[in-house]
Amino acid sequence: MKKTSLHRIVTGDEKWIHYYNPKRRKFMRTAWPRVNIHSKTEYSWKKVMLCIWWDQLGVVYYESLNPSETITGTLYRTQLLRLSRALKEKRPQYYSRHDKIILLHDNARPHITIPVKNYLKTLDWEVLLHPPYSPDVAPSHYHLFRSMAHALSEQRFTSYEDTKN
């Protein structure tokens, strides 16, 4: 049997988590006149950025940014440090089998800064190239974030601390 490298892929992405996540309602199409009636979806203007990494076994590491924080190259490098520690703790098989971790992340500016590239070299991780200007092919959008949106529907958070739990 041919050995694949899919088990070595770790992917990550960022997602805004709104304090209020209403369930999307279906729309009704009337027969005459042809009008589509959608229920109005109200999202909360308060939101927090969730940064999450996962592999085929599940979530490896996540953190939420403070409301005033944005992703920078320095912050992303620090997150990669925390991710590598989480991988050693939660997925020791990567290191015991001497499997090289394959990181799949998009080409956002913070992800391709020189300090991040240098740090990835020190970790000896392989970086899977992501097509430029193609955020639609990120696995997180299809697999993880859809499930999260469903789980968070009708969820109301009252504070930043609530979103962290």
C-alpha atoms as a PDB file:
ATOM      1  CA  MET A   1       0.000   0.000   0.000  1.00  0.00           C
ATOM      2  CA  LYS A   2       1.274   3.471  -0.893  1.00  0.00           C
ATOM      3  CA  LYS A   3       2.015   5.716   2.061  1.00  0.00           C
ATOM      4  CA  THR A   4       0.451   9.190   1.830  1.00  0.00           C
ATOM      5  CA  SER A   5       1.491  12.380   3.516  1.00  0.00           C
ATOM      6  CA  LEU A   6      -2.015  13.652   4.271  1.00  0.00           C
ATOM      7  CA  HIS A   7      -1.643  12.773   7.951  1.00  0.00           C
ATOM      8  CA  ARG A   8       1.207  15.305   8.200  1.00  0.00           C
ATOM      9  CA  ILE A   9      -0.798  18.336   6.992  1.00  0.00           C
ATOM     10  CA  VAL A  10      -1.635  20.988   9.561  1.00  0.00           C
ATOM     11  CA  THR A  11      -3.729  23.886   8.330  1.00  0.00           C
ATOM     12  CA  GLY A  12      -4.878  27.078   9.936  1.00  0.00           C
ATOM     13  CA  ASP A  13      -6.933  30.151   9.311  1.00  0.00           C
ATOM     14  CA  GLU A  14      -8.616  33.097  10.970  1.00  0.00           C
ATOM     15  CA  LYS A  15     -12.333  33.719  11.425  1.00  0.00           C
ATOM     16  CA  TRP A  16     -14.368  36.512  12.923  1.00  0.00           C
ATOM     17  CA  ILE A  17     -16.668  35.277  15.689  1.00  0.00           C
ATOM     18  CA  HIS A  18     -19.560  37.673  16.249  1.00  0.00           C
ATOM     19  CA  TYR A  19     -21.021  38.128  19.713  1.00  0.00           C
ATOM     20  CA  TYR A  20     -24.413  37.246  18.229  1.00  0.00           C
ATOM     21  CA  ASN A  21     -24.721  34.623  15.504  1.00  0.00           C
ATOM     22  CA  PRO A  22     -28.282  34.406  14.236  1.00  0.00           C
ATOM     23  CA  LYS A  23     -29.401  31.310  12.436  1.00  0.00           C
ATOM     24  CA  ARG A  24     -29.753  31.902   8.705  1.00  0.00           C
ATOM     25  CA  ARG A  25     -33.342  31.580   7.666  1.00  0.00           C
ATOM     26  CA  LYS A  26     -34.504  30.161   4.388  1.00  0.00           C
ATOM     27  CA  PHE A  27     -36.100  32.516   1.947  1.00  0.00           C
ATOM     28  CA  MET A  28     -39.518  32.257   0.408  1.00  0.00           C
ATOM     29  CA  ARG A  29     -40.198  32.781  -3.270  1.00  0.00           C
ATOM     30  CA  THR A  30     -43.688  34.007  -4.063  1.00  0.00           C
ATOM     31  CA  ALA A  31     -45.454  32.877  -7.210  1.00  0.00           C
ATOM     32  CA  TRP A  32     -46.645  36.293  -8.429  1.00  0.00           C
ATOM     33  CA  PRO A  33     -45.049  38.775  -8.663  1.00  0.00           C
ATOM     34  CA  ARG A  34     -41.664  37.036  -8.681  1.00  0.00           C
ATOM     35  CA  VAL A  35     -40.201  38.385  -5.471  1.00  0.00           C
ATOM     36  CA  ASN A  36     -37.661  36.796  -3.185  1.00  0.00           C
ATOM     37  CA  ILE A  37     -38.354  37.489   0.458  1.00  0.00           C
ATOM     38  CA  HIS A  38     -35.374  37.119   2.769  1.00  0.00           C
ATOM     39  CA  SER A  39     -35.462  37.524   6.490  1.00  0.00           C
ATOM     40  CA  LYS A  40     -33.091  40.210   7.627  1.00  0.00           C
ATOM     41  CA  THR A  41     -29.976  38.826   9.279  1.00  0.00           C
ATOM     42  CA  GLU A  42     -28.618  40.984  12.056  1.00  0.00           C
ATOM     43  CA  TYR A  43     -25.032  40.353  13.017  1.00  0.00           C
ATOM     44  CA  SER A  44     -23.470  41.857  16.051  1.00  0.00           C
ATOM     45  CA  TRP A  45     -20.938  44.589  15.354  1.00  0.00           C
ATOM     46  CA  LYS A  46     -18.903  43.243  18.265  1.00  0.00           C
ATOM     47  CA  LYS A  47     -16.626  40.450  17.172  1.00  0.00           C
ATOM     48  CA  VAL A  48     -13.399  38.669  18.029  1.00  0.00           C
ATOM     49  CA  MET A  49     -10.784  37.132  15.736  1.00  0.00           C
ATOM     50  CA  LEU A  50     -10.303  33.385  16.205  1.00  0.00           C
ATOM     51  CA  CYS A  51      -7.018  31.899  14.967  1.00  0.00           C
ATOM     52  CA  ILE A  52      -7.217  28.121  14.706  1.00  0.00           C
ATOM     53  CA  TRP A  53      -5.000  25.264  13.450  1.00  0.00           C
ATOM     54  CA  TRP A  54      -6.118  21.702  12.852  1.00  0.00           C
ATOM     55  CA  ASP A  55      -5.166  18.426  11.218  1.00  0.00           C
ATOM     56  CA  GLN A  56      -7.025  15.262  10.221  1.00  0.00           C
ATOM     57  CA  LEU A  57      -7.492  14.310  13.882  1.00  0.00           C
ATOM     58  CA  GLY A  58      -9.020  17.623  14.954  1.00  0.00           C
ATOM     59  CA  VAL A  59      -8.116  20.987  16.424  1.00  0.00           C
ATOM     60  CA  VAL A  60      -4.489  21.254  17.518  1.00  0.00           C
ATOM     61  CA  TYR A  61      -4.321  24.848  18.748  1.00  0.00           C
ATOM     62  CA  TYR A  62      -6.469  27.966  18.814  1.00  0.00           C
ATOM     63  CA  GLU A  63      -6.420  31.405  20.320  1.00  0.00           C
ATOM     64  CA  SER A  64      -8.607  34.456  20.149  1.00  0.00           C
ATOM     65  CA  LEU A  65      -7.110  37.878  19.700  1.00  0.00           C
ATOM     66  CA  ASN A  66      -7.890  40.801  21.943  1.00  0.00           C
ATOM     67  CA  PRO A  67     -10.429  43.132  20.309  1.00  0.00           C
ATOM     68  CA  SER A  68      -7.731  45.719  19.555  1.00  0.00           C
ATOM     69  CA  GLU A  69      -5.217  43.208  18.101  1.00  0.00           C
ATOM     70  CA  THR A  70      -4.602  42.465  14.454  1.00  0.00           C
ATOM     71  CA  ILE A  71      -2.492  39.755  12.856  1.00  0.00           C
ATOM     72  CA  THR A  72       1.052  40.918  12.173  1.00  0.00           C
ATOM     73  CA  GLY A  73       4.125  38.985  11.137  1.00  0.00           C
ATOM     74  CA  THR A  74       5.461  39.113  14.694  1.00  0.00           C
ATOM     75  CA  LEU A  75       2.203  37.876  16.189  1.00  0.00           C
ATOM     76  CA  TYR A  76       1.895  35.113  13.585  1.00  0.00           C
ATOM     77  CA  ARG A  77       5.449  33.955  14.338  1.00  0.00           C
ATOM     78  CA  THR A  78       4.553  33.790  18.046  1.00  0.00           C
ATOM     79  CA  GLN A  79       1.429  31.811  17.188  1.00  0.00           C
ATOM     80  CA  LEU A  80       3.545  29.349  15.190  1.00  0.00           C
ATOM     81  CA  LEU A  81       5.781  28.917  18.247  1.00  0.00           C
ATOM     82  CA  ARG A  82       2.713  28.093  20.357  1.00  0.00           C
ATOM     83  CA  LEU A  83       1.421  25.798  17.607  1.00  0.00           C
ATOM     84  CA  SER A  84       4.707  23.858  17.532  1.00  0.00           C
ATOM     85  CA  ARG A  85       4.510  23.387  21.316  1.00  0.00           C
ATOM     86  CA  ALA A  86       0.889  22.228  21.040  1.00  0.00           C
ATOM     87  CA  LEU A  87       1.855  19.766  18.301  1.00  0.00           C
ATOM     88  CA  LYS A  88       4.621  18.284  20.465  1.00  0.00           C
ATOM     89  CA  GLU A  89       2.134  17.880  23.300  1.00  0.00           C
ATOM     90  CA  LYS A  90      -0.958  16.720  21.392  1.00  0.00           C
ATOM     91  CA  ARG A  91       0.585  14.961  18.389  1.00  0.00           C
ATOM     92  CA  PRO A  92       3.881  13.440  19.566  1.00  0.00           C
ATOM     93  CA  GLN A  93       3.676  10.925  16.719  1.00  0.00           C
ATOM     94  CA  TYR A  94       4.891  13.616  14.314  1.00  0.00           C
ATOM     95  CA  TYR A  95       8.152  13.818  16.202  1.00  0.00           C
ATOM     96  CA  SER A  96       8.515  10.162  17.204  1.00  0.00           C
ATOM     97  CA  ARG A  97       8.200   9.035  13.569  1.00  0.00           C
ATOM     98  CA  HIS A  98      10.401  11.899  12.399  1.00  0.00           C
ATOM     99  CA  ASP A  99       7.618  12.998  10.068  1.00  0.00           C
ATOM    100  CA  LYS A 100       8.083  16.473   8.718  1.00  0.00           C
ATOM    101  CA  ILE A 101       5.019  18.604   9.404  1.00  0.00           C
ATOM    102  CA  ILE A 102       3.418  20.117   6.320  1.00  0.00           C
ATOM    103  CA  LEU A 103       1.895  23.538   7.012  1.00  0.00           C
ATOM    104  CA  LEU A 104      -0.899  24.724   4.764  1.00  0.00           C
ATOM    105  CA  HIS A 105      -1.666  28.401   5.189  1.00  0.00           C
ATOM    106  CA  ASP A 106      -2.687  31.134   2.795  1.00  0.00           C
ATOM    107  CA  ASN A 107      -0.520  33.902   1.381  1.00  0.00           C
ATOM    108  CA  ALA A 108      -1.724  36.696   3.653  1.00  0.00           C
ATOM    109  CA  ARG A 109       0.951  39.308   4.360  1.00  0.00           C
ATOM    110  CA  PRO A 110       1.639  38.223   7.963  1.00  0.00           C
ATOM    111  CA  HIS A 111       2.112  34.615   6.811  1.00  0.00           C
ATOM    112  CA  ILE A 112       4.822  35.421   4.275  1.00  0.00           C
ATOM    113  CA  THR A 113       7.000  37.882   6.166  1.00  0.00           C
ATOM    114  CA  ILE A 114      10.716  37.128   6.348  1.00  0.00           C
ATOM    115  CA  PRO A 115      10.726  36.444  10.130  1.00  0.00           C
ATOM    116  CA  VAL A 116       7.913  33.907   9.644  1.00  0.00           C
ATOM    117  CA  LYS A 117       9.699  32.222   6.734  1.00  0.00           C
ATOM    118  CA  ASN A 118      12.932  32.043   8.742  1.00  0.00           C
ATOM    119  CA  TYR A 119      11.114  30.620  11.753  1.00  0.00           C
ATOM    120  CA  LEU A 120       9.459  27.941   9.617  1.00  0.00           C
ATOM    121  CA  LYS A 121      12.942  26.949   8.408  1.00  0.00           C
ATOM    122  CA  THR A 122      14.141  26.566  12.005  1.00  0.00           C
ATOM    123  CA  LEU A 123      11.113  24.374  12.742  1.00  0.00           C
ATOM    124  CA  ASP A 124      12.002  22.310   9.658  1.00  0.00           C
ATOM    125  CA  TRP A 125       8.382  22.325   8.520  1.00  0.00           C
ATOM    126  CA  GLU A 126       7.452  21.965   4.902  1.00  0.00           C
ATOM    127  CA  VAL A 127       5.148  24.717   3.622  1.00  0.00           C
ATOM    128  CA  LEU A 128       2.521  23.673   1.127  1.00  0.00           C
ATOM    129  CA  LEU A 129       2.194  26.384  -1.486  1.00  0.00           C
ATOM    130  CA  HIS A 130      -1.220  28.003  -1.628  1.00  0.00           C
ATOM    131  CA  PRO A 131      -2.435  29.480  -4.922  1.00  0.00           C
ATOM    132  CA  PRO A 132      -2.301  33.297  -4.791  1.00  0.00           C
ATOM    133  CA  TYR A 133      -5.612  35.152  -4.495  1.00  0.00           C
ATOM    134  CA  SER A 134      -7.469  31.916  -3.765  1.00  0.00           C
ATOM    135  CA  PRO A 135      -8.950  32.119  -0.279  1.00  0.00           C
ATOM    136  CA  ASP A 136     -11.795  29.934  -1.489  1.00  0.00           C
ATOM    137  CA  VAL A 137      -9.626  26.817  -1.537  1.00  0.00           C
ATOM    138  CA  ALA A 138      -8.677  26.920   2.139  1.00  0.00           C
ATOM    139  CA  PRO A 139      -9.822  23.663   3.796  1.00  0.00           C
ATOM    140  CA  SER A 140     -10.973  25.569   6.882  1.00  0.00           C
ATOM    141  CA  HIS A 141     -13.681  27.337   4.888  1.00  0.00           C
ATOM    142  CA  TYR A 142     -15.256  24.068   3.779  1.00  0.00           C
ATOM    143  CA  HIS A 143     -14.683  21.744   6.685  1.00  0.00           C
ATOM    144  CA  LEU A 144     -14.176  23.638   9.904  1.00  0.00           C
ATOM    145  CA  PHE A 145     -15.908  27.003   9.592  1.00  0.00           C
ATOM    146  CA  ARG A 146     -19.197  25.581   8.282  1.00  0.00           C
ATOM    147  CA  SER A 147     -19.428  23.279  11.283  1.00  0.00           C
ATOM    148  CA  MET A 148     -18.514  26.142  13.585  1.00  0.00           C
ATOM    149  CA  ALA A 149     -21.145  28.430  12.055  1.00  0.00           C
ATOM    150  CA  HIS A 150     -23.771  25.754  12.607  1.00  0.00           C
ATOM    151  CA  ALA A 151     -22.651  25.157  16.202  1.00  0.00           C
ATOM    152  CA  LEU A 152     -22.560  28.894  16.950  1.00  0.00           C
ATOM    153  CA  SER A 153     -25.947  29.682  15.405  1.00  0.00           C
ATOM    154  CA  GLU A 154     -28.248  31.440  17.844  1.00  0.00           C
ATOM    155  CA  GLN A 155     -25.309  31.757  20.250  1.00  0.00           C
ATOM    156  CA  ARG A 156     -25.031  35.059  22.124  1.00  0.00           C
ATOM    157  CA  PHE A 157     -21.873  36.234  23.823  1.00  0.00           C
ATOM    158  CA  THR A 158     -21.976  39.140  26.233  1.00  0.00           C
ATOM    159  CA  SER A 159     -18.260  39.820  26.525  1.00  0.00           C
ATOM    160  CA  TYR A 160     -14.841  39.011  25.113  1.00  0.00           C
ATOM    161  CA  GLU A 161     -14.318  36.552  27.985  1.00  0.00           C
ATOM    162  CA  ASP A 162     -17.439  34.621  26.924  1.00  0.00           C
ATOM    163  CA  THR A 163     -16.048  34.143  23.424  1.00  0.00           C
ATOM    164  CA  LYS A 164     -12.830  32.654  24.800  1.00  0.00           C
ATOM    165  CA  ASN A 165     -14.746  29.846  26.495  1.00  0.00           C
END
